[in-house]
PDB file of N, CA and C in Angstrom:
ATOM      1  N   MET A   1       3.502 -14.654  18.213  1.00  0.00           N
ATOM      2  CA  MET A   1       3.504 -13.423  17.328  1.00  0.00           C
ATOM      3  C   MET A   1       4.951 -12.881  17.244  1.00  0.00           C
ATOM      4  N   PRO A   2       5.343 -12.491  16.042  1.00  0.00           N
ATOM      5  CA  PRO A   2       6.662 -11.994  15.852  1.00  0.00           C
ATOM      6  C   PRO A   2       6.929 -10.654  16.595  1.00  0.00           C
ATOM      7  N   HIS A   3       8.046 -10.426  16.898  1.00  0.00           N
ATOM      8  CA  HIS A   3       8.553  -9.090  17.461  1.00  0.00           C
ATOM      9  C   HIS A   3       8.170  -7.964  16.499  1.00  0.00           C
ATOM     10  N   PRO A   4       7.593  -6.888  16.952  1.00  0.00           N
ATOM     11  CA  PRO A   4       7.160  -5.851  16.046  1.00  0.00           C
ATOM     12  C   PRO A   4       8.210  -5.434  14.985  1.00  0.00           C
ATOM     13  N   ASP A   5       9.465  -5.449  15.304  1.00  0.00           N
ATOM     14  CA  ASP A   5      10.525  -5.101  14.426  1.00  0.00           C
ATOM     15  C   ASP A   5      10.684  -6.199  13.282  1.00  0.00           C
ATOM     16  N   GLU A   6      10.097  -7.367  13.480  1.00  0.00           N
ATOM     17  CA  GLU A   6      10.257  -8.430  12.556  1.00  0.00           C
ATOM     18  C   GLU A   6       9.118  -8.484  11.572  1.00  0.00           C
ATOM     19  N   ARG A   7       8.047  -7.648  11.889  1.00  0.00           N
ATOM     20  CA  ARG A   7       6.912  -7.692  10.956  1.00  0.00           C
ATOM     21  C   ARG A   7       7.196  -7.051   9.631  1.00  0.00           C
ATOM     22  N   LEU A   8       6.611  -7.517   8.616  1.00  0.00           N
ATOM     23  CA  LEU A   8       6.797  -6.886   7.207  1.00  0.00           C
ATOM     24  C   LEU A   8       6.111  -5.551   7.204  1.00  0.00           C
ATOM     25  N   LYS A   9       6.716  -4.533   6.745  1.00  0.00           N
ATOM     26  CA  LYS A   9       6.121  -3.160   6.747  1.00  0.00           C
ATOM     27  C   LYS A   9       5.527  -2.897   5.266  1.00  0.00           C
ATOM     28  N   ILE A  10       4.287  -2.756   5.196  1.00  0.00           N
ATOM     29  CA  ILE A  10       3.574  -2.556   3.913  1.00  0.00           C
ATOM     30  C   ILE A  10       3.088  -1.199   3.784  1.00  0.00           C
ATOM     31  N   LEU A  11       3.254  -0.590   2.649  1.00  0.00           N
ATOM     32  CA  LEU A  11       2.743   0.788   2.322  1.00  0.00           C
ATOM     33  C   LEU A  11       1.778   0.535   1.206  1.00  0.00           C
ATOM     34  N   PHE A  12       0.520   1.000   1.267  1.00  0.00           N
ATOM     35  CA  PHE A  12      -0.483   1.044   0.306  1.00  0.00           C
ATOM     36  C   PHE A  12      -0.549   2.353  -0.206  1.00  0.00           C
ATOM     37  N   VAL A  13      -0.578   2.500  -1.644  1.00  0.00           N
ATOM     38  CA  VAL A  13      -0.596   3.870  -2.228  1.00  0.00           C
ATOM     39  C   VAL A  13      -1.747   3.951  -3.273  1.00  0.00           C
ATOM     40  N   CYS A  14      -2.448   5.026  -3.243  1.00  0.00           N
ATOM     41  CA  CYS A  14      -3.388   5.303  -4.285  1.00  0.00           C
ATOM     42  C   CYS A  14      -3.257   6.872  -4.558  1.00  0.00           C
ATOM     43  N   SER A  15      -4.272   7.437  -5.125  1.00  0.00           N
ATOM     44  CA  SER A  15      -4.238   8.914  -5.430  1.00  0.00           C
ATOM     45  C   SER A  15      -4.367   9.790  -4.221  1.00  0.00           C
ATOM     46  N   ARG A  16      -5.649   9.810  -3.712  1.00  0.00           N
ATOM     47  CA  ARG A  16      -6.038  10.681  -2.621  1.00  0.00           C
ATOM     48  C   ARG A  16      -5.965  10.100  -1.205  1.00  0.00           C
ATOM     49  N   ASN A  17      -5.586   8.803  -1.090  1.00  0.00           N
ATOM     50  CA  ASN A  17      -5.554   8.168   0.215  1.00  0.00           C
ATOM     51  C   ASN A  17      -6.933   8.345   0.859  1.00  0.00           C
ATOM     52  N   GLN A  18      -7.968   8.084   0.052  1.00  0.00           N
ATOM     53  CA  GLN A  18      -9.379   8.288   0.511  1.00  0.00           C
ATOM     54  C   GLN A  18     -10.131   6.938   0.692  1.00  0.00           C
ATOM     55  N   TRP A  19     -10.007   6.094  -0.413  1.00  0.00           N
ATOM     56  CA  TRP A  19     -10.807   4.916  -0.420  1.00  0.00           C
ATOM     57  C   TRP A  19      -9.996   3.624  -0.567  1.00  0.00           C
ATOM     58  N   ARG A  20      -9.171   3.519  -1.570  1.00  0.00           N
ATOM     59  CA  ARG A  20      -8.455   2.143  -1.831  1.00  0.00           C
ATOM     60  C   ARG A  20      -7.346   1.930  -0.840  1.00  0.00           C
ATOM     61  N   SER A  21      -6.418   2.842  -0.653  1.00  0.00           N
ATOM     62  CA  SER A  21      -5.277   2.581   0.176  1.00  0.00           C
ATOM     63  C   SER A  21      -5.705   2.510   1.629  1.00  0.00           C
ATOM     64  N   PRO A  22      -6.567   3.365   2.147  1.00  0.00           N
ATOM     65  CA  PRO A  22      -7.008   3.206   3.550  1.00  0.00           C
ATOM     66  C   PRO A  22      -7.835   1.920   3.760  1.00  0.00           C
ATOM     67  N   THR A  23      -8.530   1.477   2.823  1.00  0.00           N
ATOM     68  CA  THR A  23      -9.220   0.216   2.917  1.00  0.00           C
ATOM     69  C   THR A  23      -8.173  -0.970   3.097  1.00  0.00           C
ATOM     70  N   ALA A  24      -7.137  -0.911   2.283  1.00  0.00           N
ATOM     71  CA  ALA A  24      -6.105  -1.996   2.295  1.00  0.00           C
ATOM     72  C   ALA A  24      -5.381  -1.839   3.566  1.00  0.00           C
ATOM     73  N   GLU A  25      -5.094  -0.603   4.125  1.00  0.00           N
ATOM     74  CA  GLU A  25      -4.364  -0.505   5.420  1.00  0.00           C
ATOM     75  C   GLU A  25      -5.227  -1.054   6.507  1.00  0.00           C
ATOM     76  N   GLN A  26      -6.474  -0.770   6.453  1.00  0.00           N
ATOM     77  CA  GLN A  26      -7.463  -1.291   7.483  1.00  0.00           C
ATOM     78  C   GLN A  26      -7.609  -2.765   7.424  1.00  0.00           C
ATOM     79  N   LEU A  27      -7.728  -3.288   6.270  1.00  0.00           N
ATOM     80  CA  LEU A  27      -7.887  -4.737   6.061  1.00  0.00           C
ATOM     81  C   LEU A  27      -6.747  -5.560   6.530  1.00  0.00           C
ATOM     82  N   TRP A  28      -5.496  -5.080   6.315  1.00  0.00           N
ATOM     83  CA  TRP A  28      -4.325  -5.857   6.723  1.00  0.00           C
ATOM     84  C   TRP A  28      -3.623  -5.476   8.034  1.00  0.00           C
ATOM     85  N   ARG A  29      -4.151  -4.423   8.683  1.00  0.00           N
ATOM     86  CA  ARG A  29      -3.500  -3.998   9.893  1.00  0.00           C
ATOM     87  C   ARG A  29      -3.473  -4.905  11.067  1.00  0.00           C
ATOM     88  N   LYS A  30      -4.450  -5.800  11.039  1.00  0.00           N
ATOM     89  CA  LYS A  30      -4.506  -6.807  12.227  1.00  0.00           C
ATOM     90  C   LYS A  30      -3.774  -8.046  11.967  1.00  0.00           C
ATOM     91  N   HIS A  31      -3.225  -8.213  10.816  1.00  0.00           N
ATOM     92  CA  HIS A  31      -2.452  -9.385  10.459  1.00  0.00           C
ATOM     93  C   HIS A  31      -1.164  -9.411  11.389  1.00  0.00           C
ATOM     94  N   PRO A  32      -0.898 -10.511  12.128  1.00  0.00           N
ATOM     95  CA  PRO A  32       0.160 -10.569  13.070  1.00  0.00           C
ATOM     96  C   PRO A  32       1.598 -10.388  12.403  1.00  0.00           C
ATOM     97  N   ASP A  33       1.812 -10.603  11.151  1.00  0.00           N
ATOM     98  CA  ASP A  33       3.004 -10.626  10.482  1.00  0.00           C
ATOM     99  C   ASP A  33       3.290  -9.246   9.804  1.00  0.00           C
ATOM    100  N   LEU A  34       2.268  -8.315   9.870  1.00  0.00           N
ATOM    101  CA  LEU A  34       2.397  -7.042   9.075  1.00  0.00           C
ATOM    102  C   LEU A  34       2.178  -5.879   9.847  1.00  0.00           C
ATOM    103  N   MET A  35       2.884  -4.754   9.426  1.00  0.00           N
ATOM    104  CA  MET A  35       2.576  -3.356   9.881  1.00  0.00           C
ATOM    105  C   MET A  35       2.131  -2.677   8.568  1.00  0.00           C
ATOM    106  N   THR A  36       1.070  -1.836   8.720  1.00  0.00           N
ATOM    107  CA  THR A  36       0.631  -1.196   7.460  1.00  0.00           C
ATOM    108  C   THR A  36       0.515   0.294   7.705  1.00  0.00           C
ATOM    109  N   ARG A  37       0.724   1.009   6.504  1.00  0.00           N
ATOM    110  CA  ARG A  37       0.395   2.455   6.303  1.00  0.00           C
ATOM    111  C   ARG A  37      -0.184   2.598   4.957  1.00  0.00           C
ATOM    112  N   SER A  38      -0.705   3.837   4.843  1.00  0.00           N
ATOM    113  CA  SER A  38      -1.252   4.106   3.536  1.00  0.00           C
ATOM    114  C   SER A  38      -1.040   5.578   3.179  1.00  0.00           C
ATOM    115  N   GLY A  39      -1.021   5.933   1.848  1.00  0.00           N
ATOM    116  CA  GLY A  39      -0.725   7.282   1.491  1.00  0.00           C
ATOM    117  C   GLY A  39      -1.177   7.442   0.056  1.00  0.00           C
ATOM    118  N   GLY A  40      -1.241   8.745  -0.358  1.00  0.00           N
ATOM    119  CA  GLY A  40      -1.668   9.110  -1.727  1.00  0.00           C
ATOM    120  C   GLY A  40      -0.583   9.869  -2.406  1.00  0.00           C
ATOM    121  N   THR A  41      -0.641   9.807  -3.717  1.00  0.00           N
ATOM    122  CA  THR A  41       0.380  10.519  -4.588  1.00  0.00           C
ATOM    123  C   THR A  41      -0.007  11.947  -4.944  1.00  0.00           C
ATOM    124  N   SER A  42      -1.274  12.265  -4.695  1.00  0.00           N
ATOM    125  CA  SER A  42      -1.738  13.639  -4.922  1.00  0.00           C
ATOM    126  C   SER A  42      -1.453  14.623  -3.841  1.00  0.00           C
ATOM    127  N   PRO A  43      -1.029  15.810  -4.186  1.00  0.00           N
ATOM    128  CA  PRO A  43      -0.872  16.894  -3.116  1.00  0.00           C
ATOM    129  C   PRO A  43      -2.078  17.052  -2.232  1.00  0.00           C
ATOM    130  N   SER A  44      -3.327  16.760  -2.780  1.00  0.00           N
ATOM    131  CA  SER A  44      -4.504  16.866  -2.039  1.00  0.00           C
ATOM    132  C   SER A  44      -4.941  15.620  -1.228  1.00  0.00           C
ATOM    133  N   ALA A  45      -4.019  14.674  -1.132  1.00  0.00           N
ATOM    134  CA  ALA A  45      -4.328  13.380  -0.442  1.00  0.00           C
ATOM    135  C   ALA A  45      -4.489  13.676   1.077  1.00  0.00           C
ATOM    136  N   ARG A  46      -5.355  12.777   1.704  1.00  0.00           N
ATOM    137  CA  ARG A  46      -5.421  12.976   3.193  1.00  0.00           C
ATOM    138  C   ARG A  46      -4.044  12.779   3.890  1.00  0.00           C
ATOM    139  N   HIS A  47      -3.313  11.838   3.472  1.00  0.00           N
ATOM    140  CA  HIS A  47      -1.911  11.746   3.829  1.00  0.00           C
ATOM    141  C   HIS A  47      -1.098  11.509   2.531  1.00  0.00           C
ATOM    142  N   THR A  48      -0.306  12.495   2.184  1.00  0.00           N
ATOM    143  CA  THR A  48       0.539  12.339   0.969  1.00  0.00           C
ATOM    144  C   THR A  48       1.805  11.503   1.338  1.00  0.00           C
ATOM    145  N   VAL A  49       2.071  10.556   0.482  1.00  0.00           N
ATOM    146  CA  VAL A  49       3.233   9.727   0.680  1.00  0.00           C
ATOM    147  C   VAL A  49       4.499  10.618   0.903  1.00  0.00           C
ATOM    148  N   SER A  50       5.263  10.281   1.938  1.00  0.00           N
ATOM    149  CA  SER A  50       6.505  11.032   2.188  1.00  0.00           C
ATOM    150  C   SER A  50       7.774  10.098   2.041  1.00  0.00           C
ATOM    151  N   SER A  51       8.897  10.845   2.051  1.00  0.00           N
ATOM    152  CA  SER A  51      10.137   9.957   1.966  1.00  0.00           C
ATOM    153  C   SER A  51      10.299   9.150   3.216  1.00  0.00           C
ATOM    154  N   GLU A  52       9.777   9.549   4.376  1.00  0.00           N
ATOM    155  CA  GLU A  52       9.778   8.667   5.594  1.00  0.00           C
ATOM    156  C   GLU A  52       8.996   7.429   5.335  1.00  0.00           C
ATOM    157  N   ASP A  53       7.805   7.539   4.653  1.00  0.00           N
ATOM    158  CA  ASP A  53       6.982   6.370   4.390  1.00  0.00           C
ATOM    159  C   ASP A  53       7.721   5.388   3.522  1.00  0.00           C
ATOM    160  N   ILE A  54       8.387   5.990   2.469  1.00  0.00           N
ATOM    161  CA  ILE A  54       9.134   5.065   1.483  1.00  0.00           C
ATOM    162  C   ILE A  54      10.278   4.432   2.275  1.00  0.00           C
ATOM    163  N   ARG A  55      11.094   5.059   3.088  1.00  0.00           N
ATOM    164  CA  ARG A  55      12.108   4.522   3.831  1.00  0.00           C
ATOM    165  C   ARG A  55      11.650   3.430   4.777  1.00  0.00           C
ATOM    166  N   TRP A  56      10.531   3.705   5.355  1.00  0.00           N
ATOM    167  CA  TRP A  56       9.905   2.723   6.348  1.00  0.00           C
ATOM    168  C   TRP A  56       9.460   1.324   5.702  1.00  0.00           C
ATOM    169  N   ALA A  57       8.962   1.446   4.428  1.00  0.00           N
ATOM    170  CA  ALA A  57       8.223   0.221   3.850  1.00  0.00           C
ATOM    171  C   ALA A  57       9.271  -0.754   3.404  1.00  0.00           C
ATOM    172  N   ASP A  58       8.869  -2.058   3.607  1.00  0.00           N
ATOM    173  CA  ASP A  58       9.580  -3.173   3.011  1.00  0.00           C
ATOM    174  C   ASP A  58       9.014  -3.518   1.619  1.00  0.00           C
ATOM    175  N   VAL A  59       7.602  -3.349   1.541  1.00  0.00           N
ATOM    176  CA  VAL A  59       6.847  -3.669   0.352  1.00  0.00           C
ATOM    177  C   VAL A  59       5.881  -2.550   0.056  1.00  0.00           C
ATOM    178  N   ILE A  60       5.754  -2.136  -1.159  1.00  0.00           N
ATOM    179  CA  ILE A  60       4.796  -1.133  -1.513  1.00  0.00           C
ATOM    180  C   ILE A  60       3.796  -1.633  -2.582  1.00  0.00           C
ATOM    181  N   PHE A  61       2.582  -1.395  -2.223  1.00  0.00           N
ATOM    182  CA  PHE A  61       1.496  -1.799  -3.161  1.00  0.00           C
ATOM    183  C   PHE A  61       0.856  -0.487  -3.698  1.00  0.00           C
ATOM    184  N   ALA A  62       1.064  -0.349  -5.047  1.00  0.00           N
ATOM    185  CA  ALA A  62       0.487   0.752  -5.806  1.00  0.00           C
ATOM    186  C   ALA A  62      -0.862   0.193  -6.364  1.00  0.00           C
ATOM    187  N   MET A  63      -1.904   1.074  -6.236  1.00  0.00           N
ATOM    188  CA  MET A  63      -3.203   0.580  -6.830  1.00  0.00           C
ATOM    189  C   MET A  63      -3.158   0.609  -8.323  1.00  0.00           C
ATOM    190  N   GLU A  64      -2.473   1.488  -8.930  1.00  0.00           N
ATOM    191  CA  GLU A  64      -2.416   1.693 -10.437  1.00  0.00           C
ATOM    192  C   GLU A  64      -0.949   1.933 -10.860  1.00  0.00           C
ATOM    193  N   GLU A  65      -0.698   1.676 -12.038  1.00  0.00           N
ATOM    194  CA  GLU A  65       0.638   1.883 -12.677  1.00  0.00           C
ATOM    195  C   GLU A  65       1.031   3.412 -12.553  1.00  0.00           C
ATOM    196  N   LYS A  66      -0.004   4.378 -12.632  1.00  0.00           N
ATOM    197  CA  LYS A  66       0.384   5.763 -12.477  1.00  0.00           C
ATOM    198  C   LYS A  66       0.885   6.125 -11.123  1.00  0.00           C
ATOM    199  N   HIS A  67       0.385   5.396 -10.097  1.00  0.00           N
ATOM    200  CA  HIS A  67       0.930   5.564  -8.718  1.00  0.00           C
ATOM    201  C   HIS A  67       2.469   5.152  -8.623  1.00  0.00           C
ATOM    202  N   ASN A  68       2.663   3.925  -9.208  1.00  0.00           N
ATOM    203  CA  ASN A  68       4.096   3.527  -9.298  1.00  0.00           C
ATOM    204  C   ASN A  68       4.906   4.429  -9.985  1.00  0.00           C
ATOM    205  N   SER A  69       4.492   4.914 -11.117  1.00  0.00           N
ATOM    206  CA  SER A  69       5.290   5.900 -11.921  1.00  0.00           C
ATOM    207  C   SER A  69       5.606   7.194 -11.133  1.00  0.00           C
ATOM    208  N   ARG A  70       4.678   7.648 -10.380  1.00  0.00           N
ATOM    209  CA  ARG A  70       4.800   8.875  -9.579  1.00  0.00           C
ATOM    210  C   ARG A  70       5.753   8.598  -8.433  1.00  0.00           C
ATOM    211  N   LEU A  71       5.718   7.441  -7.860  1.00  0.00           N
ATOM    212  CA  LEU A  71       6.606   7.071  -6.734  1.00  0.00           C
ATOM    213  C   LEU A  71       8.069   7.048  -7.295  1.00  0.00           C
ATOM    214  N   VAL A  72       8.238   6.347  -8.414  1.00  0.00           N
ATOM    215  CA  VAL A  72       9.618   6.227  -8.985  1.00  0.00           C
ATOM    216  C   VAL A  72      10.154   7.551  -9.458  1.00  0.00           C
ATOM    217  N   ALA A  73       9.237   8.391 -10.023  1.00  0.00           N
ATOM    218  CA  ALA A  73       9.703   9.797 -10.406  1.00  0.00           C
ATOM    219  C   ALA A  73      10.189  10.663  -9.233  1.00  0.00           C
ATOM    220  N   GLU A  74       9.384  10.477  -8.094  1.00  0.00           N
ATOM    221  CA  GLU A  74       9.694  11.372  -6.953  1.00  0.00           C
ATOM    222  C   GLU A  74      10.726  10.769  -5.969  1.00  0.00           C
ATOM    223  N   TYR A  75      10.704   9.439  -5.843  1.00  0.00           N
ATOM    224  CA  TYR A  75      11.563   8.785  -4.808  1.00  0.00           C
ATOM    225  C   TYR A  75      12.463   7.760  -5.301  1.00  0.00           C
ATOM    226  N   GLY A  76      12.799   7.865  -6.674  1.00  0.00           N
ATOM    227  CA  GLY A  76      13.634   6.773  -7.322  1.00  0.00           C
ATOM    228  C   GLY A  76      14.641   6.055  -6.468  1.00  0.00           C
ATOM    229  N   ARG A  77      15.678   6.817  -6.007  1.00  0.00           N
ATOM    230  CA  ARG A  77      16.661   6.042  -5.244  1.00  0.00           C
ATOM    231  C   ARG A  77      16.353   5.641  -3.916  1.00  0.00           C
ATOM    232  N   LEU A  78      15.269   6.178  -3.325  1.00  0.00           N
ATOM    233  CA  LEU A  78      14.829   5.681  -1.980  1.00  0.00           C
ATOM    234  C   LEU A  78      14.065   4.395  -2.199  1.00  0.00           C
ATOM    235  N   LEU A  79      13.697   3.968  -3.392  1.00  0.00           N
ATOM    236  CA  LEU A  79      12.937   2.758  -3.490  1.00  0.00           C
ATOM    237  C   LEU A  79      13.723   1.515  -3.688  1.00  0.00           C
ATOM    238  N   SER A  80      15.025   1.617  -3.705  1.00  0.00           N
ATOM    239  CA  SER A  80      15.925   0.431  -4.055  1.00  0.00           C
ATOM    240  C   SER A  80      15.786  -0.713  -2.979  1.00  0.00           C
ATOM    241  N   HIS A  81      15.399  -0.357  -1.808  1.00  0.00           N
ATOM    242  CA  HIS A  81      15.393  -1.422  -0.695  1.00  0.00           C
ATOM    243  C   HIS A  81      13.975  -2.089  -0.694  1.00  0.00           C
ATOM    244  N   ALA A  82      12.926  -1.540  -1.378  1.00  0.00           N
ATOM    245  CA  ALA A  82      11.545  -2.000  -1.226  1.00  0.00           C
ATOM    246  C   ALA A  82      11.140  -2.658  -2.566  1.00  0.00           C
ATOM    247  N   SER A  83      10.307  -3.674  -2.471  1.00  0.00           N
ATOM    248  CA  SER A  83       9.654  -4.139  -3.700  1.00  0.00           C
ATOM    249  C   SER A  83       8.371  -3.524  -3.899  1.00  0.00           C
ATOM    250  N   ILE A  84       8.096  -3.202  -5.257  1.00  0.00           N
ATOM    251  CA  ILE A  84       6.827  -2.500  -5.479  1.00  0.00           C
ATOM    252  C   ILE A  84       5.895  -3.445  -6.296  1.00  0.00           C
ATOM    253  N   HIS A  85       4.706  -3.490  -5.994  1.00  0.00           N
ATOM    254  CA  HIS A  85       3.811  -4.312  -6.795  1.00  0.00           C
ATOM    255  C   HIS A  85       2.586  -3.399  -7.197  1.00  0.00           C
ATOM    256  N   VAL A  86       2.158  -3.425  -8.452  1.00  0.00           N
ATOM    257  CA  VAL A  86       1.074  -2.804  -8.964  1.00  0.00           C
ATOM    258  C   VAL A  86      -0.150  -3.688  -8.944  1.00  0.00           C
ATOM    259  N   LEU A  87      -1.195  -3.309  -8.210  1.00  0.00           N
ATOM    260  CA  LEU A  87      -2.396  -4.187  -8.115  1.00  0.00           C
ATOM    261  C   LEU A  87      -3.384  -4.063  -9.166  1.00  0.00           C
ATOM    262  N   ASP A  88      -3.291  -3.027 -10.001  1.00  0.00           N
ATOM    263  CA  ASP A  88      -4.287  -2.729 -11.133  1.00  0.00           C
ATOM    264  C   ASP A  88      -5.677  -2.689 -10.552  1.00  0.00           C
ATOM    265  N   ILE A  89      -5.856  -1.966  -9.480  1.00  0.00           N
ATOM    266  CA  ILE A  89      -7.253  -1.794  -8.928  1.00  0.00           C
ATOM    267  C   ILE A  89      -7.765  -0.401  -9.279  1.00  0.00           C
ATOM    268  N   PRO A  90      -8.694  -0.260 -10.106  1.00  0.00           N
ATOM    269  CA  PRO A  90      -9.135   1.085 -10.571  1.00  0.00           C
ATOM    270  C   PRO A  90      -9.862   1.894  -9.465  1.00  0.00           C
ATOM    271  N   ASP A  91      -9.883   3.161  -9.674  1.00  0.00           N
ATOM    272  CA  ASP A  91     -10.610   4.040  -8.703  1.00  0.00           C
ATOM    273  C   ASP A  91     -12.088   4.001  -8.877  1.00  0.00           C
ATOM    274  N   GLU A  92     -12.730   2.908  -8.617  1.00  0.00           N
ATOM    275  CA  GLU A  92     -14.143   2.863  -8.756  1.00  0.00           C
ATOM    276  C   GLU A  92     -14.868   2.252  -7.543  1.00  0.00           C
ATOM    277  N   TYR A  93     -14.148   2.322  -6.381  1.00  0.00           N
ATOM    278  CA  TYR A  93     -14.668   1.620  -5.216  1.00  0.00           C
ATOM    279  C   TYR A  93     -14.686   2.649  -3.952  1.00  0.00           C
ATOM    280  N   LYS A  94     -15.649   2.542  -3.224  1.00  0.00           N
ATOM    281  CA  LYS A  94     -15.713   3.390  -1.922  1.00  0.00           C
ATOM    282  C   LYS A  94     -14.956   2.694  -0.863  1.00  0.00           C
ATOM    283  N   TYR A  95     -14.713   3.348   0.309  1.00  0.00           N
ATOM    284  CA  TYR A  95     -13.995   2.873   1.350  1.00  0.00           C
ATOM    285  C   TYR A  95     -14.697   1.667   1.968  1.00  0.00           C
ATOM    286  N   MET A  96     -14.012   0.558   2.152  1.00  0.00           N
ATOM    287  CA  MET A  96     -14.484  -0.799   2.664  1.00  0.00           C
ATOM    288  C   MET A  96     -15.513  -1.364   1.799  1.00  0.00           C
ATOM    289  N   ASP A  97     -15.526  -1.087   0.474  1.00  0.00           N
ATOM    290  CA  ASP A  97     -16.469  -1.787  -0.406  1.00  0.00           C
ATOM    291  C   ASP A  97     -16.120  -3.299  -0.423  1.00  0.00           C
ATOM    292  N   PRO A  98     -17.152  -4.185  -0.355  1.00  0.00           N
ATOM    293  CA  PRO A  98     -16.834  -5.608  -0.272  1.00  0.00           C
ATOM    294  C   PRO A  98     -16.115  -6.090  -1.455  1.00  0.00           C
ATOM    295  N   GLU A  99     -16.391  -5.593  -2.636  1.00  0.00           N
ATOM    296  CA  GLU A  99     -15.684  -6.086  -3.915  1.00  0.00           C
ATOM    297  C   GLU A  99     -14.139  -5.615  -3.806  1.00  0.00           C
ATOM    298  N   LEU A 100     -13.887  -4.439  -3.310  1.00  0.00           N
ATOM    299  CA  LEU A 100     -12.608  -3.934  -3.110  1.00  0.00           C
ATOM    300  C   LEU A 100     -11.831  -4.856  -2.050  1.00  0.00           C
ATOM    301  N   ILE A 101     -12.502  -5.124  -1.030  1.00  0.00           N
ATOM    302  CA  ILE A 101     -11.858  -5.993   0.003  1.00  0.00           C
ATOM    303  C   ILE A 101     -11.587  -7.352  -0.565  1.00  0.00           C
ATOM    304  N   ASP A 102     -12.397  -8.001  -1.379  1.00  0.00           N
ATOM    305  CA  ASP A 102     -12.107  -9.227  -1.985  1.00  0.00           C
ATOM    306  C   ASP A 102     -10.903  -9.147  -2.928  1.00  0.00           C
ATOM    307  N   LEU A 103     -10.796  -8.036  -3.715  1.00  0.00           N
ATOM    308  CA  LEU A 103      -9.654  -7.859  -4.644  1.00  0.00           C
ATOM    309  C   LEU A 103      -8.324  -7.720  -3.806  1.00  0.00           C
ATOM    310  N   LEU A 104      -8.364  -6.921  -2.749  1.00  0.00           N
ATOM    311  CA  LEU A 104      -7.199  -6.748  -1.975  1.00  0.00           C
ATOM    312  C   LEU A 104      -6.759  -8.080  -1.230  1.00  0.00           C
ATOM    313  N   GLU A 105      -7.736  -8.750  -0.722  1.00  0.00           N
ATOM    314  CA  GLU A 105      -7.454  -9.981  -0.052  1.00  0.00           C
ATOM    315  C   GLU A 105      -6.812 -10.948  -1.023  1.00  0.00           C
ATOM    316  N   GLN A 106      -7.359 -11.118  -2.136  1.00  0.00           N
ATOM    317  CA  GLN A 106      -6.762 -12.123  -3.130  1.00  0.00           C
ATOM    318  C   GLN A 106      -5.412 -11.634  -3.608  1.00  0.00           C
ATOM    319  N   SER A 107      -5.322 -10.433  -4.027  1.00  0.00           N
ATOM    320  CA  SER A 107      -4.036 -10.002  -4.626  1.00  0.00           C
ATOM    321  C   SER A 107      -2.939  -9.957  -3.585  1.00  0.00           C
ATOM    322  N   VAL A 108      -3.109  -9.273  -2.464  1.00  0.00           N
ATOM    323  CA  VAL A 108      -2.049  -9.059  -1.470  1.00  0.00           C
ATOM    324  C   VAL A 108      -1.648 -10.449  -0.824  1.00  0.00           C
ATOM    325  N   SER A 109      -2.620 -11.278  -0.538  1.00  0.00           N
ATOM    326  CA  SER A 109      -2.201 -12.543   0.028  1.00  0.00           C
ATOM    327  C   SER A 109      -1.490 -13.420  -0.875  1.00  0.00           C
ATOM    328  N   SER A 110      -1.798 -13.450  -2.191  1.00  0.00           N
ATOM    329  CA  SER A 110      -1.006 -14.189  -3.101  1.00  0.00           C
ATOM    330  C   SER A 110       0.366 -13.710  -3.328  1.00  0.00           C
ATOM    331  N   ILE A 111       0.480 -12.387  -3.421  1.00  0.00           N
ATOM    332  CA  ILE A 111       1.858 -11.869  -3.636  1.00  0.00           C
ATOM    333  C   ILE A 111       2.760 -12.057  -2.498  1.00  0.00           C
ATOM    334  N   LEU A 112       2.176 -11.928  -1.234  1.00  0.00           N
ATOM    335  CA  LEU A 112       3.008 -12.006  -0.013  1.00  0.00           C
ATOM    336  C   LEU A 112       2.949 -13.512   0.585  1.00  0.00           C
ATOM    337  N   ASP A 113       2.132 -14.339  -0.145  1.00  0.00           N
ATOM    338  CA  ASP A 113       2.034 -15.802   0.306  1.00  0.00           C
ATOM    339  C   ASP A 113       1.531 -15.825   1.760  1.00  0.00           C
ATOM    340  N   LEU A 114       0.432 -15.053   2.050  1.00  0.00           N
ATOM    341  CA  LEU A 114      -0.069 -15.042   3.319  1.00  0.00           C
ATOM    342  C   LEU A 114      -1.368 -16.014   3.365  1.00  0.00           C
ATOM    343  N   LYS A 115      -1.693 -16.325   4.631  1.00  0.00           N
ATOM    344  CA  LYS A 115      -2.856 -17.189   4.882  1.00  0.00           C
ATOM    345  C   LYS A 115      -4.113 -16.369   5.217  1.00  0.00           C
TER     346      LYS A 115
END
């Protein structure tokens, strides 16, 4: 297993950090090559994305284009070190929904080339 500092740091972002991004964080947290966090772009999110989260992340997965736009608007220059991918996963799933898990497994593993 890689040293903790060598693992890829992944930040998952949705609106309220209630269903999609926490599901993604939970799904990928046990992968030996990854460290995960999640946050929301809404002020009412369970955990609102912070500048610390942005600085921490190597890769950011936004569930929708609007989340990417909000991150760029708020943290533009802080994002230069991280790659951002928009997953195009609409807000129509509950936490740990099997269909949501399938979408996240397929999209994230193909983008990061994970097994």
